[in-house]
N, C-alpha and C. Protein backbone atom coordinates (compact mmCIF):
# COMPACT_ATOMS: atom_id res chain seq x y z
N MET A 1 -6.87 -47.58 -53.89
CA MET A 1 -6.05 -47.29 -52.65
C MET A 1 -5.44 -45.90 -52.73
N THR A 2 -5.45 -44.85 -51.45
CA THR A 2 -4.88 -43.91 -51.11
C THR A 2 -3.39 -44.03 -50.85
N ARG A 3 -2.70 -42.70 -51.88
CA ARG A 3 -1.31 -42.62 -51.24
C ARG A 3 -0.87 -42.06 -50.07
N LYS A 4 -0.07 -42.61 -49.57
CA LYS A 4 0.02 -41.95 -47.88
C LYS A 4 1.51 -41.05 -48.65
N LYS A 5 1.42 -39.89 -47.09
CA LYS A 5 2.31 -39.11 -47.30
C LYS A 5 3.24 -38.86 -46.10
N ARG A 6 4.24 -39.08 -45.57
CA ARG A 6 5.22 -38.96 -44.42
C ARG A 6 5.29 -38.03 -43.72
N PHE A 7 5.07 -37.48 -43.04
CA PHE A 7 5.73 -36.29 -42.23
C PHE A 7 6.03 -36.03 -40.64
N GLY A 8 6.96 -35.54 -40.47
CA GLY A 8 7.11 -35.70 -39.03
C GLY A 8 6.45 -34.62 -37.99
N VAL A 9 5.36 -35.12 -36.57
CA VAL A 9 5.12 -34.29 -35.84
C VAL A 9 5.61 -34.40 -34.47
N SER A 10 5.51 -33.32 -33.76
CA SER A 10 5.89 -33.36 -32.44
C SER A 10 4.97 -32.47 -31.18
N VAL A 11 4.86 -33.52 -30.81
CA VAL A 11 3.80 -32.95 -29.63
C VAL A 11 4.26 -32.99 -27.99
N ASP A 12 3.69 -32.09 -27.42
CA ASP A 12 4.00 -32.63 -26.00
C ASP A 12 4.13 -34.06 -24.82
N LYS A 13 5.16 -34.74 -24.22
CA LYS A 13 5.13 -35.47 -23.81
C LYS A 13 3.98 -36.45 -23.67
N GLU A 14 2.99 -35.35 -22.80
CA GLU A 14 1.78 -35.93 -22.27
C GLU A 14 0.80 -36.23 -23.30
N VAL A 15 0.48 -35.56 -24.20
CA VAL A 15 0.05 -35.78 -25.14
C VAL A 15 0.16 -36.98 -26.32
N TYR A 16 2.05 -37.31 -26.34
CA TYR A 16 2.53 -38.38 -26.74
C TYR A 16 2.12 -39.92 -25.89
N GLU A 17 2.37 -39.24 -24.55
CA GLU A 17 1.81 -40.65 -23.79
C GLU A 17 -0.16 -41.21 -23.59
N GLU A 18 -0.78 -39.91 -24.08
CA GLU A 18 -2.41 -40.36 -24.13
C GLU A 18 -2.54 -40.86 -25.16
N LEU A 19 -1.62 -40.32 -26.50
CA LEU A 19 -1.69 -41.28 -27.85
C LEU A 19 -1.46 -42.51 -27.55
N THR A 20 -0.65 -43.01 -26.91
CA THR A 20 0.22 -44.29 -27.24
C THR A 20 -0.78 -45.18 -26.19
N CYS A 21 -1.55 -44.61 -24.64
CA CYS A 21 -2.41 -45.30 -24.11
C CYS A 21 -3.41 -45.68 -25.33
N ILE A 22 -3.92 -44.58 -25.86
CA ILE A 22 -5.06 -45.33 -26.93
C ILE A 22 -5.14 -46.16 -27.90
N CYS A 23 -4.35 -45.84 -28.15
CA CYS A 23 -3.00 -46.58 -29.41
C CYS A 23 -3.22 -48.69 -29.19
N ASN A 24 -2.96 -48.45 -28.04
CA ASN A 24 -3.32 -49.67 -27.16
C ASN A 24 -3.97 -49.94 -26.38
N ALA A 25 -5.55 -49.04 -26.20
CA ALA A 25 -6.94 -49.74 -26.02
C ALA A 25 -7.28 -49.99 -27.04
N LEU A 26 -7.23 -49.58 -28.17
CA LEU A 26 -7.98 -49.60 -29.67
C LEU A 26 -6.99 -50.13 -30.84
N HIS A 27 -6.07 -51.25 -30.08
CA HIS A 27 -5.53 -52.09 -30.75
C HIS A 27 -4.84 -51.23 -32.60
N THR A 28 -4.42 -50.41 -32.24
CA THR A 28 -3.60 -49.31 -33.55
C THR A 28 -2.89 -48.78 -33.61
N ASP A 29 -2.23 -47.96 -34.41
CA ASP A 29 -1.20 -47.41 -34.53
C ASP A 29 -1.21 -45.72 -34.62
N ARG A 30 -0.14 -45.30 -33.85
CA ARG A 30 -0.14 -43.39 -33.81
C ARG A 30 -0.67 -43.04 -35.28
N SER A 31 -0.52 -43.45 -36.31
CA SER A 31 -0.83 -43.20 -37.26
C SER A 31 -1.94 -43.51 -38.20
N HIS A 32 -2.88 -44.23 -37.63
CA HIS A 32 -4.45 -44.31 -37.80
C HIS A 32 -4.89 -43.64 -37.09
N ILE A 33 -4.51 -43.21 -35.50
CA ILE A 33 -5.39 -42.10 -34.59
C ILE A 33 -4.86 -40.71 -35.26
N VAL A 34 -3.78 -40.62 -35.47
CA VAL A 34 -3.04 -38.93 -36.07
C VAL A 34 -4.41 -38.83 -37.44
N ASN A 35 -4.03 -39.51 -38.18
CA ASN A 35 -4.84 -39.49 -39.30
C ASN A 35 -6.63 -39.34 -38.97
N THR A 36 -7.09 -40.33 -38.62
CA THR A 36 -8.66 -40.11 -37.93
C THR A 36 -9.08 -38.78 -37.24
N ALA A 37 -7.84 -38.15 -36.62
CA ALA A 37 -8.26 -37.14 -35.45
C ALA A 37 -7.88 -36.17 -37.10
N THR A 38 -7.50 -36.05 -37.19
CA THR A 38 -6.74 -34.63 -38.40
C THR A 38 -8.42 -34.44 -39.21
N LYS A 39 -8.72 -36.00 -40.00
CA LYS A 39 -10.16 -35.70 -41.02
C LYS A 39 -11.28 -35.05 -40.01
N LEU A 40 -11.01 -35.85 -38.95
CA LEU A 40 -12.12 -35.25 -37.87
C LEU A 40 -11.71 -33.76 -37.74
N PHE A 41 -10.98 -33.05 -37.14
CA PHE A 41 -10.30 -31.59 -36.96
C PHE A 41 -10.87 -31.13 -38.50
N LEU A 42 -10.18 -31.50 -39.46
CA LEU A 42 -10.71 -30.53 -40.43
C LEU A 42 -12.04 -30.78 -41.04
N LEU A 43 -12.88 -31.58 -41.05
CA LEU A 43 -14.44 -31.48 -40.66
C LEU A 43 -15.26 -30.51 -40.15
N GLU A 44 -14.22 -30.29 -38.71
CA GLU A 44 -14.93 -29.15 -38.42
C GLU A 44 -14.36 -27.85 -38.17
N LYS A 45 -13.27 -27.48 -38.67
CA LYS A 45 -12.92 -26.85 -38.92
C LYS A 45 -12.67 -25.95 -40.10
N PHE A 46 -12.49 -26.57 -41.32
CA PHE A 46 -12.05 -26.61 -42.41
C PHE A 46 -13.41 -24.98 -43.64
N HIS A 47 -14.41 -25.21 -43.40
CA HIS A 47 -15.47 -24.88 -43.71
C HIS A 47 -15.08 -23.10 -43.32
N TYR A 48 -14.55 -22.67 -42.51
CA TYR A 48 -14.27 -21.63 -41.44
C TYR A 48 -13.05 -20.56 -43.13
N ALA A 49 -12.69 -21.32 -43.70
CA ALA A 49 -11.60 -21.03 -44.75
C ALA A 49 -12.42 -19.92 -45.89
N LYS A 50 -13.38 -20.27 -45.87
CA LYS A 50 -14.18 -19.79 -46.73
C LYS A 50 -15.54 -19.38 -45.93
N PRO A 51 -15.63 -17.91 -46.20
CA PRO A 51 -17.02 -17.25 -45.51
C PRO A 51 -17.74 -17.35 -46.39
N HIS A 52 -19.16 -17.85 -45.56
CA HIS A 52 -20.47 -18.38 -46.03
C HIS A 52 -22.05 -17.98 -44.71
N LYS A 53 -22.68 -18.42 -45.66
CA LYS A 53 -23.60 -18.84 -44.63
C LYS A 53 -23.69 -20.06 -44.04
N CYS A 54 -23.85 -20.40 -42.90
CA CYS A 54 -23.34 -21.85 -41.93
C CYS A 54 -24.58 -21.71 -40.90
N GLU A 55 -24.40 -23.05 -40.74
CA GLU A 55 -25.49 -23.60 -39.48
C GLU A 55 -24.87 -24.78 -38.85
N GLY A 56 -25.45 -24.59 -37.57
CA GLY A 56 -24.94 -26.02 -36.97
C GLY A 56 -25.18 -26.34 -35.27
N VAL A 57 -24.25 -27.29 -34.88
CA VAL A 57 -24.73 -27.34 -33.30
C VAL A 57 -23.66 -27.21 -32.87
N MET A 58 -23.62 -26.30 -31.71
CA MET A 58 -22.12 -25.68 -30.60
C MET A 58 -22.47 -26.12 -29.17
N ILE A 59 -21.43 -27.18 -28.89
CA ILE A 59 -21.40 -27.68 -27.45
C ILE A 59 -20.86 -27.29 -26.46
N ILE A 60 -21.06 -26.32 -25.59
CA ILE A 60 -20.29 -25.39 -24.74
C ILE A 60 -20.40 -26.19 -23.21
N SER A 61 -19.37 -26.68 -22.42
CA SER A 61 -19.93 -27.20 -21.27
C SER A 61 -18.64 -25.47 -20.31
N TYR A 62 -19.06 -25.56 -18.96
CA TYR A 62 -18.41 -24.62 -18.54
C TYR A 62 -18.86 -24.62 -17.08
N THR A 63 -17.82 -24.18 -16.32
CA THR A 63 -18.41 -24.64 -14.57
C THR A 63 -19.17 -22.91 -14.19
N GLN A 64 -19.92 -23.55 -12.93
CA GLN A 64 -20.81 -22.54 -12.37
C GLN A 64 -19.92 -20.87 -12.46
N GLY A 65 -18.77 -20.99 -11.84
CA GLY A 65 -18.03 -19.69 -11.71
C GLY A 65 -18.22 -18.92 -13.26
N GLN A 66 -18.16 -19.60 -14.18
CA GLN A 66 -18.00 -18.88 -15.64
C GLN A 66 -19.62 -18.44 -15.93
N ARG A 67 -20.64 -18.77 -15.47
CA ARG A 67 -21.92 -18.48 -16.10
C ARG A 67 -22.22 -17.22 -15.84
N GLU A 68 -21.94 -15.82 -15.35
CA GLU A 68 -21.91 -15.06 -16.03
C GLU A 68 -21.43 -14.43 -17.37
N ALA A 69 -19.83 -15.11 -17.14
CA ALA A 69 -19.16 -14.20 -18.24
C ALA A 69 -19.95 -15.48 -19.45
N MET A 70 -20.78 -16.36 -19.52
CA MET A 70 -20.91 -16.75 -20.33
C MET A 70 -22.43 -16.29 -20.87
N SER A 71 -23.11 -15.87 -19.63
CA SER A 71 -24.43 -15.27 -20.49
C SER A 71 -24.40 -13.96 -21.18
N GLY A 72 -22.58 -13.21 -21.03
CA GLY A 72 -22.85 -12.24 -21.31
C GLY A 72 -22.50 -12.66 -22.96
N VAL A 73 -21.51 -14.10 -23.43
CA VAL A 73 -21.38 -14.16 -24.27
C VAL A 73 -22.52 -14.46 -25.43
N PHE A 74 -23.40 -15.57 -24.74
CA PHE A 74 -24.85 -15.91 -25.05
C PHE A 74 -25.62 -14.37 -25.36
N GLU A 75 -25.12 -13.23 -24.61
CA GLU A 75 -26.10 -12.15 -25.09
C GLU A 75 -25.02 -11.54 -26.77
N ARG A 76 -24.27 -11.49 -26.50
CA ARG A 76 -23.66 -10.55 -27.91
C ARG A 76 -24.05 -11.06 -29.51
N TYR A 77 -24.35 -12.24 -29.05
CA TYR A 77 -24.29 -13.21 -30.52
C TYR A 77 -25.69 -13.50 -30.67
N ARG A 78 -26.59 -13.07 -29.55
CA ARG A 78 -28.02 -13.68 -29.63
C ARG A 78 -28.52 -13.91 -31.12
N LEU A 79 -28.26 -13.01 -31.77
CA LEU A 79 -28.92 -13.04 -33.65
C LEU A 79 -28.30 -14.30 -33.84
N LEU A 80 -27.50 -14.64 -33.38
CA LEU A 80 -26.58 -15.81 -34.20
C LEU A 80 -27.77 -17.48 -33.88
N ILE A 81 -27.93 -17.65 -32.14
CA ILE A 81 -28.35 -18.28 -31.60
C ILE A 81 -30.21 -18.74 -31.95
N ILE A 82 -30.08 -19.47 -32.49
CA ILE A 82 -31.09 -19.97 -32.92
C ILE A 82 -32.43 -20.77 -31.91
N GLY A 83 -31.56 -21.91 -31.17
CA GLY A 83 -32.08 -22.37 -29.93
C GLY A 83 -31.40 -22.84 -29.03
N ARG A 84 -31.33 -23.04 -27.65
CA ARG A 84 -30.74 -23.29 -26.97
C ARG A 84 -31.19 -24.51 -25.63
N SER A 85 -30.13 -24.97 -25.29
CA SER A 85 -31.01 -25.76 -24.24
C SER A 85 -29.90 -25.83 -23.27
N HIS A 86 -30.09 -25.79 -21.81
CA HIS A 86 -29.19 -26.00 -20.64
C HIS A 86 -29.32 -26.84 -20.08
N TYR A 87 -28.22 -27.68 -19.72
CA TYR A 87 -28.62 -29.30 -18.37
C TYR A 87 -27.04 -28.21 -17.34
N HIS A 88 -27.26 -28.94 -16.26
CA HIS A 88 -26.67 -29.64 -15.60
C HIS A 88 -26.08 -31.02 -15.05
N THR A 89 -24.68 -30.56 -15.24
CA THR A 89 -24.11 -32.04 -15.71
C THR A 89 -24.04 -32.59 -13.60
N SER A 90 -23.54 -34.12 -13.70
CA SER A 90 -23.42 -35.01 -12.00
C SER A 90 -22.13 -34.14 -11.25
N ASP A 91 -21.32 -33.42 -12.61
CA ASP A 91 -20.09 -32.66 -11.59
C ASP A 91 -20.10 -31.24 -11.42
N ASP A 92 -21.61 -30.72 -11.63
CA ASP A 92 -22.03 -29.38 -11.22
C ASP A 92 -21.39 -28.18 -12.40
N CYS A 93 -21.21 -28.89 -13.28
CA CYS A 93 -20.80 -27.78 -14.63
C CYS A 93 -22.51 -27.57 -15.41
N CYS A 94 -22.08 -26.67 -16.43
CA CYS A 94 -23.34 -26.53 -17.02
C CYS A 94 -23.10 -26.69 -18.69
N LEU A 95 -23.98 -27.35 -19.04
CA LEU A 95 -23.77 -27.46 -20.54
C LEU A 95 -24.85 -27.00 -21.19
N GLU A 96 -24.04 -26.17 -22.80
CA GLU A 96 -25.15 -25.47 -23.27
C GLU A 96 -25.27 -26.32 -24.79
N VAL A 97 -26.21 -26.72 -25.71
CA VAL A 97 -26.81 -27.08 -26.69
C VAL A 97 -26.92 -25.78 -27.56
N LEU A 98 -26.45 -25.39 -28.49
CA LEU A 98 -26.87 -24.68 -29.08
C LEU A 98 -26.93 -24.69 -30.82
N PHE A 99 -28.30 -24.52 -31.20
CA PHE A 99 -28.22 -23.90 -32.84
C PHE A 99 -27.86 -22.68 -32.92
N VAL A 100 -26.90 -22.41 -34.34
CA VAL A 100 -26.81 -21.62 -34.49
C VAL A 100 -26.57 -21.21 -36.21
N ARG A 101 -27.10 -20.34 -36.85
CA ARG A 101 -27.03 -19.96 -37.87
C ARG A 101 -27.01 -18.20 -38.63
N GLY A 102 -25.54 -18.44 -38.94
CA GLY A 102 -25.65 -17.41 -39.23
C GLY A 102 -23.99 -17.15 -40.37
N GLU A 103 -23.23 -15.81 -40.74
CA GLU A 103 -21.87 -16.14 -41.20
C GLU A 103 -21.07 -17.26 -40.52
N SER A 104 -20.04 -17.36 -41.07
CA SER A 104 -18.76 -18.32 -40.40
C SER A 104 -18.14 -17.23 -39.67
N GLY A 105 -18.16 -16.45 -40.01
CA GLY A 105 -17.04 -15.83 -39.65
C GLY A 105 -17.54 -14.85 -37.71
N ASP A 106 -18.59 -15.02 -37.97
CA ASP A 106 -19.76 -14.77 -36.49
C ASP A 106 -19.61 -15.93 -35.85
N ILE A 107 -19.77 -17.06 -36.21
CA ILE A 107 -19.84 -18.40 -35.33
C ILE A 107 -18.20 -18.82 -34.98
N LEU A 108 -17.30 -18.39 -36.18
CA LEU A 108 -16.44 -18.22 -35.08
C LEU A 108 -15.61 -17.83 -34.14
N SER A 109 -16.21 -16.33 -34.40
CA SER A 109 -15.75 -15.79 -33.45
C SER A 109 -16.73 -15.97 -31.94
N LEU A 110 -18.13 -16.40 -31.90
CA LEU A 110 -18.78 -16.99 -30.98
C LEU A 110 -17.77 -17.89 -30.12
N GLU A 111 -17.56 -18.94 -31.27
CA GLU A 111 -16.62 -19.99 -30.49
C GLU A 111 -15.39 -19.86 -30.05
N LYS A 112 -15.12 -18.54 -30.61
CA LYS A 112 -13.80 -18.36 -29.73
C LYS A 112 -13.98 -17.87 -28.05
N GLU A 113 -14.84 -16.68 -28.61
CA GLU A 113 -15.01 -16.42 -27.28
C GLU A 113 -15.34 -16.89 -26.16
N ALA A 114 -16.41 -18.22 -26.09
CA ALA A 114 -16.82 -19.14 -25.76
C ALA A 114 -15.89 -20.04 -25.43
N GLU A 115 -14.84 -20.25 -26.07
CA GLU A 115 -13.76 -21.06 -25.66
C GLU A 115 -13.04 -20.61 -24.27
N ASN A 116 -12.69 -19.19 -24.51
CA ASN A 116 -12.45 -18.70 -23.49
C ASN A 116 -12.67 -18.43 -21.65
N TYR A 117 -13.83 -19.35 -21.65
CA TYR A 117 -14.99 -19.12 -20.65
C TYR A 117 -15.41 -20.58 -20.49
N SER A 118 -15.31 -21.79 -21.31
CA SER A 118 -15.76 -22.72 -21.30
C SER A 118 -14.57 -23.96 -21.07
N VAL A 119 -14.69 -24.72 -20.40
CA VAL A 119 -13.93 -26.19 -20.24
C VAL A 119 -13.87 -26.99 -21.61
N THR A 120 -14.59 -27.38 -22.64
CA THR A 120 -15.11 -27.34 -23.43
C THR A 120 -15.83 -26.71 -24.22
N CYS A 121 -15.53 -26.47 -25.66
CA CYS A 121 -16.48 -26.53 -26.74
C CYS A 121 -15.84 -26.62 -28.02
N LYS A 122 -17.18 -27.40 -28.79
CA LYS A 122 -17.51 -27.71 -30.28
C LYS A 122 -18.46 -27.34 -31.47
N PHE A 123 -17.88 -27.20 -32.05
CA PHE A 123 -18.76 -26.58 -33.31
C PHE A 123 -19.11 -28.29 -34.32
N VAL A 124 -19.96 -28.21 -34.22
CA VAL A 124 -20.42 -29.55 -35.57
C VAL A 124 -21.58 -28.50 -36.99
N PRO A 125 -20.53 -28.41 -37.94
CA PRO A 125 -21.52 -28.17 -38.79
C PRO A 125 -22.21 -28.72 -39.63
N CYS A 126 -23.25 -28.30 -39.69
CA CYS A 126 -24.70 -29.03 -40.44
C CYS A 126 -24.36 -29.65 -41.73
N HIS A 127 -23.64 -28.76 -42.73
CA HIS A 127 -22.86 -29.31 -43.73
C HIS A 127 -21.41 -29.06 -44.11
N LYS A 128 -21.36 -29.88 -45.60
CA LYS A 128 -19.85 -29.44 -45.78
C LYS A 128 -19.71 -28.72 -46.72
N LEU A 129 -18.50 -28.23 -46.94
CA LEU A 129 -18.40 -27.30 -48.05
C LEU A 129 -18.11 -28.12 -49.42
């Protein structure tokens, strides 16, 4: 059995209400949801803490109005992008699925720049440190 540690967390009222709604829908408590979400966040982001060669999948959605800006981002990071698929969603957004490989710091830079123009951006590393 793992030992648990207790700590206080402050969130925006809207986040609290959404969290409560999800807990009710899943028949669980906020602690379970926060613990699960934290584990997923750490799996996704912790590898950035130690510079290394990295590869994974980046999923980016953005509006048609951001197409030109995103094209510039993809061009600046073209040496990291090994493969790329582009789709149009039913609500007229663009969805890019990138396979990227390179230094973790460079992938983090790509992710941060893409976040500036995207509706959502998620990097899924193919390995765990």
